[in-house]
Amino acid sequence: MITPKIANIALLATAAIATPLPAKAASDYPTSTLAEYVYGCMKANGENRDMLQRCSCSIDVIASVVTYDHYVAAETFKQMGQVPGENGVLFRESAPAKAATSELKRAQAEADMRCF
């Protein structure tokens, strides 16, 4: 026979297991990358405590959607795509560039909806 005390312990253990943990992908991002994103986000949106929370939330959401390797690729395509003329075309117009930047844009849109 299960006593009420054992039932409560079992219920708490089940709840602990069922509680979602933060995305593992976020821990794959180096701290410097997280800090750089939050810094840039705060510079663009306001340098206050509320924006610190929102920008931190934003990179956490992005990290839960996009792997670090994909994030680096998308950021690289984005930066190199700003090179004017023919030199930047490959980074703007190629299929891998479009796929990577599209994936990052979707993750950023998700982060905007959840955090801002």
PDB file of N, CA and C in Angstrom:
ATOM      1  N   MET A   1       0.841  -1.188   0.000  1.00  0.00           N
ATOM      2  CA  MET A   1       0.000   0.000   0.000  1.00  0.00           C
ATOM      3  C   MET A   1       0.882   1.246   0.000  1.00  0.00           C
ATOM      4  N   ILE A   2       0.527   2.195  -0.828  1.00  0.00           N
ATOM      5  CA  ILE A   2       1.296   3.425  -0.941  1.00  0.00           C
ATOM      6  C   ILE A   2       0.728   4.438   0.040  1.00  0.00           C
ATOM      7  N   THR A   3       1.603   4.954   0.866  1.00  0.00           N
ATOM      8  CA  THR A   3       1.175   5.961   1.840  1.00  0.00           C
ATOM      9  C   THR A   3       1.094   7.315   1.154  1.00  0.00           C
ATOM     10  N   PRO A   4       0.352   8.255   1.722  1.00  0.00           N
ATOM     11  CA  PRO A   4       0.253   9.589   1.128  1.00  0.00           C
ATOM     12  C   PRO A   4       1.611  10.276   1.004  1.00  0.00           C
ATOM     13  N   LYS A   5       2.499  10.033   1.968  1.00  0.00           N
ATOM     14  CA  LYS A   5       3.824  10.656   1.924  1.00  0.00           C
ATOM     15  C   LYS A   5       4.614  10.149   0.714  1.00  0.00           C
ATOM     16  N   ILE A   6       4.579   8.852   0.461  1.00  0.00           N
ATOM     17  CA  ILE A   6       5.283   8.270  -0.680  1.00  0.00           C
ATOM     18  C   ILE A   6       4.648   8.752  -1.981  1.00  0.00           C
ATOM     19  N   ALA A   7       3.337   8.871  -1.995  1.00  0.00           N
ATOM     20  CA  ALA A   7       2.644   9.357  -3.185  1.00  0.00           C
ATOM     21  C   ALA A   7       3.060  10.793  -3.505  1.00  0.00           C
ATOM     22  N   ASN A   8       3.197  11.622  -2.467  1.00  0.00           N
ATOM     23  CA  ASN A   8       3.634  13.007  -2.679  1.00  0.00           C
ATOM     24  C   ASN A   8       5.062  13.062  -3.214  1.00  0.00           C
ATOM     25  N   ILE A   9       5.933  12.226  -2.687  1.00  0.00           N
ATOM     26  CA  ILE A   9       7.317  12.183  -3.158  1.00  0.00           C
ATOM     27  C   ILE A   9       7.342  11.738  -4.620  1.00  0.00           C
ATOM     28  N   ALA A  10       6.561  10.730  -4.953  1.00  0.00           N
ATOM     29  CA  ALA A  10       6.504  10.253  -6.333  1.00  0.00           C
ATOM     30  C   ALA A  10       5.978  11.340  -7.259  1.00  0.00           C
ATOM     31  N   LEU A  11       4.979  12.077  -6.804  1.00  0.00           N
ATOM     32  CA  LEU A  11       4.419  13.156  -7.597  1.00  0.00           C
ATOM     33  C   LEU A  11       5.453  14.257  -7.834  1.00  0.00           C
ATOM     34  N   LEU A  12       6.199  14.610  -6.789  1.00  0.00           N
ATOM     35  CA  LEU A  12       7.241  15.626  -6.936  1.00  0.00           C
ATOM     36  C   LEU A  12       8.349  15.156  -7.875  1.00  0.00           C
ATOM     37  N   ALA A  13       8.732  13.899  -7.776  1.00  0.00           N
ATOM     38  CA  ALA A  13       9.773  13.362  -8.657  1.00  0.00           C
ATOM     39  C   ALA A  13       9.309  13.376 -10.112  1.00  0.00           C
ATOM     40  N   THR A  14       8.054  13.003 -10.326  1.00  0.00           N
ATOM     41  CA  THR A  14       7.499  13.022 -11.679  1.00  0.00           C
ATOM     42  C   THR A  14       7.461  14.445 -12.230  1.00  0.00           C
ATOM     43  N   ALA A  15       7.081  15.389 -11.406  1.00  0.00           N
ATOM     44  CA  ALA A  15       7.034  16.787 -11.840  1.00  0.00           C
ATOM     45  C   ALA A  15       8.430  17.303 -12.172  1.00  0.00           C
ATOM     46  N   ALA A  16       9.416  16.906 -11.401  1.00  0.00           N
ATOM     47  CA  ALA A  16      10.794  17.339 -11.664  1.00  0.00           C
ATOM     48  C   ALA A  16      11.300  16.789 -12.987  1.00  0.00           C
ATOM     49  N   ILE A  17      10.940  15.561 -13.287  1.00  0.00           N
ATOM     50  CA  ILE A  17      11.361  14.946 -14.540  1.00  0.00           C
ATOM     51  C   ILE A  17      10.632  15.588 -15.716  1.00  0.00           C
ATOM     52  N   ALA A  18       9.363  15.907 -15.543  1.00  0.00           N
ATOM     53  CA  ALA A  18       8.551  16.445 -16.621  1.00  0.00           C
ATOM     54  C   ALA A  18       8.816  17.925 -16.879  1.00  0.00           C
ATOM     55  N   THR A  19       9.437  18.618 -15.915  1.00  0.00           N
ATOM     56  CA  THR A  19       9.715  20.035 -16.094  1.00  0.00           C
ATOM     57  C   THR A  19      10.767  20.220 -17.169  1.00  0.00           C
ATOM     58  N   PRO A  20      10.465  20.998 -18.196  1.00  0.00           N
ATOM     59  CA  PRO A  20      11.451  21.176 -19.259  1.00  0.00           C
ATOM     60  C   PRO A  20      12.679  21.919 -18.757  1.00  0.00           C
ATOM     61  N   LEU A  21      13.815  21.462 -19.179  1.00  0.00           N
ATOM     62  CA  LEU A  21      15.071  22.099 -18.828  1.00  0.00           C
ATOM     63  C   LEU A  21      15.437  23.093 -19.907  1.00  0.00           C
ATOM     64  N   PRO A  22      16.312  24.039 -19.610  1.00  0.00           N
ATOM     65  CA  PRO A  22      16.750  24.957 -20.660  1.00  0.00           C
ATOM     66  C   PRO A  22      17.359  24.178 -21.820  1.00  0.00           C
ATOM     67  N   ALA A  23      17.260  24.739 -22.994  1.00  0.00           N
ATOM     68  CA  ALA A  23      17.770  24.071 -24.186  1.00  0.00           C
ATOM     69  C   ALA A  23      19.257  23.805 -24.059  1.00  0.00           C
ATOM     70  N   LYS A  24      19.674  22.620 -24.452  1.00  0.00           N
ATOM     71  CA  LYS A  24      21.085  22.269 -24.400  1.00  0.00           C
ATOM     72  C   LYS A  24      21.898  23.130 -25.353  1.00  0.00           C
ATOM     73  N   ALA A  25      21.292  23.542 -26.445  1.00  0.00           N
ATOM     74  CA  ALA A  25      22.008  24.324 -27.447  1.00  0.00           C
ATOM     75  C   ALA A  25      22.561  25.624 -26.863  1.00  0.00           C
ATOM     76  N   ALA A  26      21.851  26.218 -25.897  1.00  0.00           N
ATOM     77  CA  ALA A  26      22.316  27.470 -25.318  1.00  0.00           C
ATOM     78  C   ALA A  26      23.671  27.296 -24.648  1.00  0.00           C
ATOM     79  N   SER A  27      23.918  26.140 -24.035  1.00  0.00           N
ATOM     80  CA  SER A  27      25.197  25.925 -23.384  1.00  0.00           C
ATOM     81  C   SER A  27      26.303  25.680 -24.397  1.00  0.00           C
ATOM     82  N   ASP A  28      25.948  25.402 -25.650  1.00  0.00           N
ATOM     83  CA  ASP A  28      26.940  25.200 -26.701  1.00  0.00           C
ATOM     84  C   ASP A  28      27.487  26.528 -27.216  1.00  0.00           C
ATOM     85  N   TYR A  29      26.791  27.602 -26.972  1.00  0.00           N
ATOM     86  CA  TYR A  29      27.240  28.920 -27.424  1.00  0.00           C
ATOM     87  C   TYR A  29      28.284  29.432 -26.425  1.00  0.00           C
ATOM     88  N   PRO A  30      29.436  29.893 -26.913  1.00  0.00           N
ATOM     89  CA  PRO A  30      30.433  30.466 -25.998  1.00  0.00           C
ATOM     90  C   PRO A  30      29.885  31.709 -25.300  1.00  0.00           C
ATOM     91  N   THR A  31      30.327  31.941 -24.106  1.00  0.00           N
ATOM     92  CA  THR A  31      29.874  33.092 -23.336  1.00  0.00           C
ATOM     93  C   THR A  31      30.121  34.391 -24.089  1.00  0.00           C
ATOM     94  N   SER A  32      31.255  34.483 -24.767  1.00  0.00           N
ATOM     95  CA  SER A  32      31.562  35.718 -25.497  1.00  0.00           C
ATOM     96  C   SER A  32      30.534  35.979 -26.601  1.00  0.00           C
ATOM     97  N   THR A  33      30.043  34.936 -27.251  1.00  0.00           N
ATOM     98  CA  THR A  33      29.029  35.093 -28.291  1.00  0.00           C
ATOM     99  C   THR A  33      27.712  35.562 -27.679  1.00  0.00           C
ATOM    100  N   LEU A  34      27.338  34.965 -26.555  1.00  0.00           N
ATOM    101  CA  LEU A  34      26.111  35.380 -25.868  1.00  0.00           C
ATOM    102  C   LEU A  34      26.210  36.841 -25.438  1.00  0.00           C
ATOM    103  N   ALA A  35      27.350  37.200 -24.858  1.00  0.00           N
ATOM    104  CA  ALA A  35      27.547  38.569 -24.383  1.00  0.00           C
ATOM    105  C   ALA A  35      27.542  39.560 -25.546  1.00  0.00           C
ATOM    106  N   GLU A  36      28.180  39.199 -26.643  1.00  0.00           N
ATOM    107  CA  GLU A  36      28.221  40.075 -27.814  1.00  0.00           C
ATOM    108  C   GLU A  36      26.814  40.319 -28.363  1.00  0.00           C
ATOM    109  N   TYR A  37      26.004  39.269 -28.419  1.00  0.00           N
ATOM    110  CA  TYR A  37      24.632  39.415 -28.903  1.00  0.00           C
ATOM    111  C   TYR A  37      23.838  40.340 -27.976  1.00  0.00           C
ATOM    112  N   VAL A  38      23.926  40.096 -26.668  1.00  0.00           N
ATOM    113  CA  VAL A  38      23.169  40.899 -25.709  1.00  0.00           C
ATOM    114  C   VAL A  38      23.629  42.351 -25.766  1.00  0.00           C
ATOM    115  N   TYR A  39      24.931  42.572 -25.870  1.00  0.00           N
ATOM    116  CA  TYR A  39      25.469  43.935 -25.957  1.00  0.00           C
ATOM    117  C   TYR A  39      24.914  44.657 -27.186  1.00  0.00           C
ATOM    118  N   GLY A  40      24.975  44.007 -28.339  1.00  0.00           N
ATOM    119  CA  GLY A  40      24.464  44.606 -29.569  1.00  0.00           C
ATOM    120  C   GLY A  40      22.967  44.860 -29.509  1.00  0.00           C
ATOM    121  N   CYS A  41      22.249  43.920 -28.953  1.00  0.00           N
ATOM    122  CA  CYS A  41      20.798  44.053 -28.805  1.00  0.00           C
ATOM    123  C   CYS A  41      20.454  45.239 -27.908  1.00  0.00           C
ATOM    124  N   MET A  42      21.178  45.371 -26.804  1.00  0.00           N
ATOM    125  CA  MET A  42      20.920  46.486 -25.890  1.00  0.00           C
ATOM    126  C   MET A  42      21.301  47.824 -26.523  1.00  0.00           C
ATOM    127  N   LYS A  43      22.368  47.853 -27.294  1.00  0.00           N
ATOM    128  CA  LYS A  43      22.756  49.093 -27.982  1.00  0.00           C
ATOM    129  C   LYS A  43      21.656  49.523 -28.951  1.00  0.00           C
ATOM    130  N   ALA A  44      21.023  48.558 -29.587  1.00  0.00           N
ATOM    131  CA  ALA A  44      19.987  48.858 -30.573  1.00  0.00           C
ATOM    132  C   ALA A  44      18.634  49.177 -29.944  1.00  0.00           C
ATOM    133  N   ASN A  45      18.368  48.623 -28.766  1.00  0.00           N
ATOM    134  CA  ASN A  45      17.019  48.723 -28.191  1.00  0.00           C
ATOM    135  C   ASN A  45      16.911  49.518 -26.900  1.00  0.00           C
ATOM    136  N   GLY A  46      18.013  49.833 -26.278  1.00  0.00           N
ATOM    137  CA  GLY A  46      17.977  50.564 -25.018  1.00  0.00           C
ATOM    138  C   GLY A  46      18.856  49.892 -23.988  1.00  0.00           C
ATOM    139  N   GLU A  47      19.554  50.692 -23.252  1.00  0.00           N
ATOM    140  CA  GLU A  47      20.506  50.173 -22.268  1.00  0.00           C
ATOM    141  C   GLU A  47      19.918  50.286 -20.869  1.00  0.00           C
ATOM    142  N   ASN A  48      18.997  49.381 -20.578  1.00  0.00           N
ATOM    143  CA  ASN A  48      18.389  49.358 -19.251  1.00  0.00           C
ATOM    144  C   ASN A  48      18.146  47.909 -18.830  1.00  0.00           C
ATOM    145  N   ARG A  49      17.722  47.736 -17.618  1.00  0.00           N
ATOM    146  CA  ARG A  49      17.541  46.394 -17.045  1.00  0.00           C
ATOM    147  C   ARG A  49      16.501  45.583 -17.823  1.00  0.00           C
ATOM    148  N   ASP A  50      15.431  46.231 -18.244  1.00  0.00           N
ATOM    149  CA  ASP A  50      14.388  45.536 -18.994  1.00  0.00           C
ATOM    150  C   ASP A  50      14.955  44.979 -20.303  1.00  0.00           C
ATOM    151  N   MET A  51      15.742  45.769 -20.998  1.00  0.00           N
ATOM    152  CA  MET A  51      16.344  45.309 -22.259  1.00  0.00           C
ATOM    153  C   MET A  51      17.381  44.215 -22.008  1.00  0.00           C
ATOM    154  N   LEU A  52      18.082  44.287 -20.889  1.00  0.00           N
ATOM    155  CA  LEU A  52      19.022  43.219 -20.550  1.00  0.00           C
ATOM    156  C   LEU A  52      18.279  41.893 -20.464  1.00  0.00           C
ATOM    157  N   GLN A  53      17.137  41.893 -19.788  1.00  0.00           N
ATOM    158  CA  GLN A  53      16.332  40.676 -19.656  1.00  0.00           C
ATOM    159  C   GLN A  53      15.796  40.224 -21.013  1.00  0.00           C
ATOM    160  N   ARG A  54      15.273  41.151 -21.787  1.00  0.00           N
ATOM    161  CA  ARG A  54      14.693  40.807 -23.086  1.00  0.00           C
ATOM    162  C   ARG A  54      15.749  40.311 -24.074  1.00  0.00           C
ATOM    163  N   CYS A  55      16.889  40.964 -24.099  1.00  0.00           N
ATOM    164  CA  CYS A  55      17.956  40.558 -25.018  1.00  0.00           C
ATOM    165  C   CYS A  55      18.554  39.211 -24.606  1.00  0.00           C
ATOM    166  N   SER A  56      18.680  38.979 -23.312  1.00  0.00           N
ATOM    167  CA  SER A  56      19.158  37.681 -22.828  1.00  0.00           C
ATOM    168  C   SER A  56      18.170  36.582 -23.203  1.00  0.00           C
ATOM    169  N   CYS A  57      16.906  36.865 -23.049  1.00  0.00           N
ATOM    170  CA  CYS A  57      15.861  35.924 -23.454  1.00  0.00           C
ATOM    171  C   CYS A  57      15.975  35.634 -24.941  1.00  0.00           C
ATOM    172  N   SER A  58      16.202  36.673 -25.720  1.00  0.00           N
ATOM    173  CA  SER A  58      16.263  36.542 -27.173  1.00  0.00           C
ATOM    174  C   SER A  58      17.367  35.583 -27.611  1.00  0.00           C
ATOM    175  N   ILE A  59      18.572  35.743 -27.091  1.00  0.00           N
ATOM    176  CA  ILE A  59      19.659  34.853 -27.502  1.00  0.00           C
ATOM    177  C   ILE A  59      19.431  33.445 -26.980  1.00  0.00           C
ATOM    178  N   ASP A  60      18.780  33.310 -25.840  1.00  0.00           N
ATOM    179  CA  ASP A  60      18.451  31.966 -25.342  1.00  0.00           C
ATOM    180  C   ASP A  60      17.483  31.261 -26.288  1.00  0.00           C
ATOM    181  N   VAL A  61      16.498  31.987 -26.784  1.00  0.00           N
ATOM    182  CA  VAL A  61      15.543  31.402 -27.733  1.00  0.00           C
ATOM    183  C   VAL A  61      16.260  31.031 -29.027  1.00  0.00           C
ATOM    184  N   ILE A  62      17.073  31.937 -29.533  1.00  0.00           N
ATOM    185  CA  ILE A  62      17.824  31.658 -30.764  1.00  0.00           C
ATOM    186  C   ILE A  62      18.693  30.428 -30.577  1.00  0.00           C
ATOM    187  N   ALA A  63      19.368  30.339 -29.441  1.00  0.00           N
ATOM    188  CA  ALA A  63      20.251  29.197 -29.174  1.00  0.00           C
ATOM    189  C   ALA A  63      19.482  27.891 -29.043  1.00  0.00           C
ATOM    190  N   SER A  64      18.220  27.980 -28.658  1.00  0.00           N
ATOM    191  CA  SER A  64      17.419  26.757 -28.548  1.00  0.00           C
ATOM    192  C   SER A  64      16.903  26.295 -29.912  1.00  0.00           C
ATOM    193  N   VAL A  65      16.927  27.205 -30.896  1.00  0.00           N
ATOM    194  CA  VAL A  65      16.406  26.900 -32.230  1.00  0.00           C
ATOM    195  C   VAL A  65      17.531  26.601 -33.223  1.00  0.00           C
ATOM    196  N   VAL A  66      18.633  27.343 -33.118  1.00  0.00           N
ATOM    197  CA  VAL A  66      19.728  27.252 -34.083  1.00  0.00           C
ATOM    198  C   VAL A  66      20.983  26.739 -33.376  1.00  0.00           C
ATOM    199  N   THR A  67      21.618  25.733 -33.935  1.00  0.00           N
ATOM    200  CA  THR A  67      22.870  25.255 -33.348  1.00  0.00           C
ATOM    201  C   THR A  67      23.931  26.340 -33.471  1.00  0.00           C
ATOM    202  N   TYR A  68      24.943  26.247 -32.646  1.00  0.00           N
ATOM    203  CA  TYR A  68      25.994  27.252 -32.675  1.00  0.00           C
ATOM    204  C   TYR A  68      26.687  27.294 -34.040  1.00  0.00           C
ATOM    205  N   ASP A  69      26.969  26.139 -34.608  1.00  0.00           N
ATOM    206  CA  ASP A  69      27.623  26.100 -35.916  1.00  0.00           C
ATOM    207  C   ASP A  69      26.783  26.803 -36.989  1.00  0.00           C
ATOM    208  N   HIS A  70      25.479  26.593 -36.956  1.00  0.00           N
ATOM    209  CA  HIS A  70      24.596  27.255 -37.923  1.00  0.00           C
ATOM    210  C   HIS A  70      24.537  28.757 -37.659  1.00  0.00           C
ATOM    211  N   TYR A  71      24.558  29.126 -36.375  1.00  0.00           N
ATOM    212  CA  TYR A  71      24.548  30.544 -36.010  1.00  0.00           C
ATOM    213  C   TYR A  71      25.800  31.241 -36.557  1.00  0.00           C
ATOM    214  N   VAL A  72      26.960  30.610 -36.376  1.00  0.00           N
ATOM    215  CA  VAL A  72      28.216  31.184 -36.868  1.00  0.00           C
ATOM    216  C   VAL A  72      28.177  31.312 -38.391  1.00  0.00           C
ATOM    217  N   ALA A  73      27.686  30.277 -39.062  1.00  0.00           N
ATOM    218  CA  ALA A  73      27.600  30.323 -40.526  1.00  0.00           C
ATOM    219  C   ALA A  73      26.690  31.465 -40.977  1.00  0.00           C
ATOM    220  N   ALA A  74      25.532  31.596 -40.359  1.00  0.00           N
ATOM    221  CA  ALA A  74      24.587  32.646 -40.741  1.00  0.00           C
ATOM    222  C   ALA A  74      25.162  34.034 -40.487  1.00  0.00           C
ATOM    223  N   GLU A  75      25.813  34.213 -39.343  1.00  0.00           N
ATOM    224  CA  GLU A  75      26.421  35.504 -39.033  1.00  0.00           C
ATOM    225  C   GLU A  75      27.550  35.816 -40.009  1.00  0.00           C
ATOM    226  N   THR A  76      28.299  34.803 -40.400  1.00  0.00           N
ATOM    227  CA  THR A  76      29.384  35.004 -41.363  1.00  0.00           C
ATOM    228  C   THR A  76      28.820  35.418 -42.719  1.00  0.00           C
ATOM    229  N   PHE A  77      27.802  34.694 -43.186  1.00  0.00           N
ATOM    230  CA  PHE A  77      27.168  35.066 -44.455  1.00  0.00           C
ATOM    231  C   PHE A  77      26.614  36.486 -44.382  1.00  0.00           C
ATOM    232  N   LYS A  78      26.013  36.822 -43.250  1.00  0.00           N
ATOM    233  CA  LYS A  78      25.422  38.146 -43.078  1.00  0.00           C
ATOM    234  C   LYS A  78      26.503  39.237 -43.150  1.00  0.00           C
ATOM    235  N   GLN A  79      27.596  39.043 -42.439  1.00  0.00           N
ATOM    236  CA  GLN A  79      28.681  40.027 -42.435  1.00  0.00           C
ATOM    237  C   GLN A  79      29.356  40.128 -43.798  1.00  0.00           C
ATOM    238  N   MET A  80      29.680  38.980 -44.375  1.00  0.00           N
ATOM    239  CA  MET A  80      30.376  38.973 -45.667  1.00  0.00           C
ATOM    240  C   MET A  80      29.459  39.441 -46.797  1.00  0.00           C
ATOM    241  N   GLY A  81      28.166  39.275 -46.635  1.00  0.00           N
ATOM    242  CA  GLY A  81      27.215  39.742 -47.632  1.00  0.00           C
ATOM    243  C   GLY A  81      27.152  41.249 -47.717  1.00  0.00           C
ATOM    244  N   GLN A  82      27.685  41.933 -46.728  1.00  0.00           N
ATOM    245  CA  GLN A  82      27.704  43.392 -46.746  1.00  0.00           C
ATOM    246  C   GLN A  82      28.840  43.954 -47.590  1.00  0.00           C
ATOM    247  N   VAL A  83      29.740  43.076 -48.024  1.00  0.00           N
ATOM    248  CA  VAL A  83      30.819  43.509 -48.913  1.00  0.00           C
ATOM    249  C   VAL A  83      30.171  43.923 -50.233  1.00  0.00           C
ATOM    250  N   PRO A  84      30.471  45.119 -50.697  1.00  0.00           N
ATOM    251  CA  PRO A  84      29.802  45.586 -51.910  1.00  0.00           C
ATOM    252  C   PRO A  84      30.281  44.876 -53.178  1.00  0.00           C
ATOM    253  N   GLY A  85      29.419  44.896 -54.161  1.00  0.00           N
ATOM    254  CA  GLY A  85      29.769  44.405 -55.483  1.00  0.00           C
ATOM    255  C   GLY A  85      29.852  42.904 -55.602  1.00  0.00           C
ATOM    256  N   GLU A  86      30.664  42.497 -56.576  1.00  0.00           N
ATOM    257  CA  GLU A  86      30.797  41.094 -56.923  1.00  0.00           C
ATOM    258  C   GLU A  86      31.391  40.254 -55.795  1.00  0.00           C
ATOM    259  N   ASN A  87      32.239  40.845 -54.989  1.00  0.00           N
ATOM    260  CA  ASN A  87      32.888  40.107 -53.910  1.00  0.00           C
ATOM    261  C   ASN A  87      31.890  39.595 -52.865  1.00  0.00           C
ATOM    262  N   GLY A  88      30.800  40.294 -52.673  1.00  0.00           N
ATOM    263  CA  GLY A  88      29.823  39.886 -51.682  1.00  0.00           C
ATOM    264  C   GLY A  88      28.673  39.061 -52.221  1.00  0.00           C
ATOM    265  N   VAL A  89      28.588  38.918 -53.544  1.00  0.00           N
ATOM    266  CA  VAL A  89      27.456  38.219 -54.160  1.00  0.00           C
ATOM    267  C   VAL A  89      27.340  36.786 -53.667  1.00  0.00           C
ATOM    268  N   LEU A  90      28.432  36.072 -53.588  1.00  0.00           N
ATOM    269  CA  LEU A  90      28.417  34.682 -53.146  1.00  0.00           C
ATOM    270  C   LEU A  90      27.812  34.565 -51.747  1.00  0.00           C
ATOM    271  N   PHE A  91      28.101  35.545 -50.908  1.00  0.00           N
ATOM    272  CA  PHE A  91      27.617  35.513 -49.531  1.00  0.00           C
ATOM    273  C   PHE A  91      26.179  36.005 -49.397  1.00  0.00           C
ATOM    274  N   ARG A  92      25.663  36.616 -50.447  1.00  0.00           N
ATOM    275  CA  ARG A  92      24.276  37.095 -50.437  1.00  0.00           C
ATOM    276  C   ARG A  92      23.350  36.185 -51.217  1.00  0.00           C
ATOM    277  N   GLU A  93      23.822  35.649 -52.328  1.00  0.00           N
ATOM    278  CA  GLU A  93      22.939  35.002 -53.294  1.00  0.00           C
ATOM    279  C   GLU A  93      23.028  33.479 -53.376  1.00  0.00           C
ATOM    280  N   SER A  94      24.040  32.864 -52.772  1.00  0.00           N
ATOM    281  CA  SER A  94      24.169  31.414 -52.884  1.00  0.00           C
ATOM    282  C   SER A  94      23.086  30.711 -52.060  1.00  0.00           C
ATOM    283  N   ALA A  95      22.778  29.495 -52.450  1.00  0.00           N
ATOM    284  CA  ALA A  95      21.757  28.718 -51.730  1.00  0.00           C
ATOM    285  C   ALA A  95      22.129  28.502 -50.261  1.00  0.00           C
ATOM    286  N   PRO A  96      23.387  28.137 -49.943  1.00  0.00           N
ATOM    287  CA  PRO A  96      23.731  27.978 -48.520  1.00  0.00           C
ATOM    288  C   PRO A  96      23.586  29.284 -47.733  1.00  0.00           C
ATOM    289  N   ALA A  97      23.949  30.399 -48.351  1.00  0.00           N
ATOM    290  CA  ALA A  97      23.825  31.691 -47.676  1.00  0.00           C
ATOM    291  C   ALA A  97      22.361  32.016 -47.389  1.00  0.00           C
ATOM    292  N   LYS A  98      21.529  31.795 -48.386  1.00  0.00           N
ATOM    293  CA  LYS A  98      20.098  32.081 -48.213  1.00  0.00           C
ATOM    294  C   LYS A  98      19.475  31.168 -47.160  1.00  0.00           C
ATOM    295  N   ALA A  99      19.858  29.894 -47.172  1.00  0.00           N
ATOM    296  CA  ALA A  99      19.315  28.943 -46.190  1.00  0.00           C
ATOM    297  C   ALA A  99      19.748  29.316 -44.774  1.00  0.00           C
ATOM    298  N   ALA A 100      21.015  29.646 -44.601  1.00  0.00           N
ATOM    299  CA  ALA A 100      21.536  29.977 -43.273  1.00  0.00           C
ATOM    300  C   ALA A 100      20.910  31.251 -42.733  1.00  0.00           C
ATOM    301  N   THR A 101      20.836  32.282 -43.577  1.00  0.00           N
ATOM    302  CA  THR A 101      20.260  33.537 -43.098  1.00  0.00           C
ATOM    303  C   THR A 101      18.757  33.408 -42.863  1.00  0.00           C
ATOM    304  N   SER A 102      18.095  32.593 -43.650  1.00  0.00           N
ATOM    305  CA  SER A 102      16.666  32.362 -43.456  1.00  0.00           C
ATOM    306  C   SER A 102      16.409  31.648 -42.121  1.00  0.00           C
ATOM    307  N   GLU A 103      17.240  30.659 -41.813  1.00  0.00           N
ATOM    308  CA  GLU A 103      17.101  29.941 -40.540  1.00  0.00           C
ATOM    309  C   GLU A 103      17.298  30.894 -39.361  1.00  0.00           C
ATOM    310  N   LEU A 104      18.295  31.760 -39.455  1.00  0.00           N
ATOM    311  CA  LEU A 104      18.553  32.715 -38.372  1.00  0.00           C
ATOM    312  C   LEU A 104      17.414  33.727 -38.256  1.00  0.00           C
ATOM    313  N   LYS A 105      16.889  34.191 -39.373  1.00  0.00           N
ATOM    314  CA  LYS A 105      15.768  35.138 -39.340  1.00  0.00           C
ATOM    315  C   LYS A 105      14.537  34.519 -38.680  1.00  0.00           C
ATOM    316  N   ARG A 106      14.279  33.243 -38.984  1.00  0.00           N
ATOM    317  CA  ARG A 106      13.138  32.563 -38.339  1.00  0.00           C
ATOM    318  C   ARG A 106      13.356  32.469 -36.826  1.00  0.00           C
ATOM    319  N   ALA A 107      14.570  32.157 -36.420  1.00  0.00           N
ATOM    320  CA  ALA A 107      14.876  32.059 -34.988  1.00  0.00           C
ATOM    321  C   ALA A 107      14.737  33.428 -34.324  1.00  0.00           C
ATOM    322  N   GLN A 108      15.199  34.481 -34.996  1.00  0.00           N
ATOM    323  CA  GLN A 108      15.070  35.827 -34.444  1.00  0.00           C
ATOM    324  C   GLN A 108      13.609  36.257 -34.357  1.00  0.00           C
ATOM    325  N   ALA A 109      12.811  35.866 -35.330  1.00  0.00           N
ATOM    326  CA  ALA A 109      11.379  36.194 -35.275  1.00  0.00           C
ATOM    327  C   ALA A 109      10.721  35.473 -34.091  1.00  0.00           C
ATOM    328  N   GLU A 110      11.089  34.235 -33.871  1.00  0.00           N
ATOM    329  CA  GLU A 110      10.575  33.483 -32.722  1.00  0.00           C
ATOM    330  C   GLU A 110      10.992  34.166 -31.418  1.00  0.00           C
ATOM    331  N   ALA A 111      12.250  34.603 -31.357  1.00  0.00           N
ATOM    332  CA  ALA A 111      12.752  35.283 -30.162  1.00  0.00           C
ATOM    333  C   ALA A 111      12.021  36.612 -29.938  1.00  0.00           C
ATOM    334  N   ASP A 112      11.759  37.328 -31.000  1.00  0.00           N
ATOM    335  CA  ASP A 112      11.028  38.593 -30.885  1.00  0.00           C
ATOM    336  C   ASP A 112       9.621  38.356 -30.328  1.00  0.00           C
ATOM    337  N   MET A 113       8.967  37.336 -30.817  1.00  0.00           N
ATOM    338  CA  MET A 113       7.606  37.038 -30.333  1.00  0.00           C
ATOM    339  C   MET A 113       7.616  36.645 -28.871  1.00  0.00           C
ATOM    340  N   ARG A 114       8.609  35.885 -28.441  1.00  0.00           N
ATOM    341  CA  ARG A 114       8.627  35.373 -27.075  1.00  0.00           C
ATOM    342  C   ARG A 114       9.199  36.355 -26.064  1.00  0.00           C
ATOM    343  N   CYS A 115      10.066  37.263 -26.511  1.00  0.00           N
ATOM    344  CA  CYS A 115      10.805  38.086 -25.563  1.00  0.00           C
ATOM    345  C   CYS A 115      10.485  39.584 -25.614  1.00  0.00           C
ATOM    346  N   PHE A 116       9.930  40.050 -26.713  1.00  0.00           N
ATOM    347  CA  PHE A 116       9.723  41.503 -26.844  1.00  0.00           C
ATOM    348  C   PHE A 116       8.287  41.856 -26.987  1.00  0.00           C
TER     349      PHE A 116
END
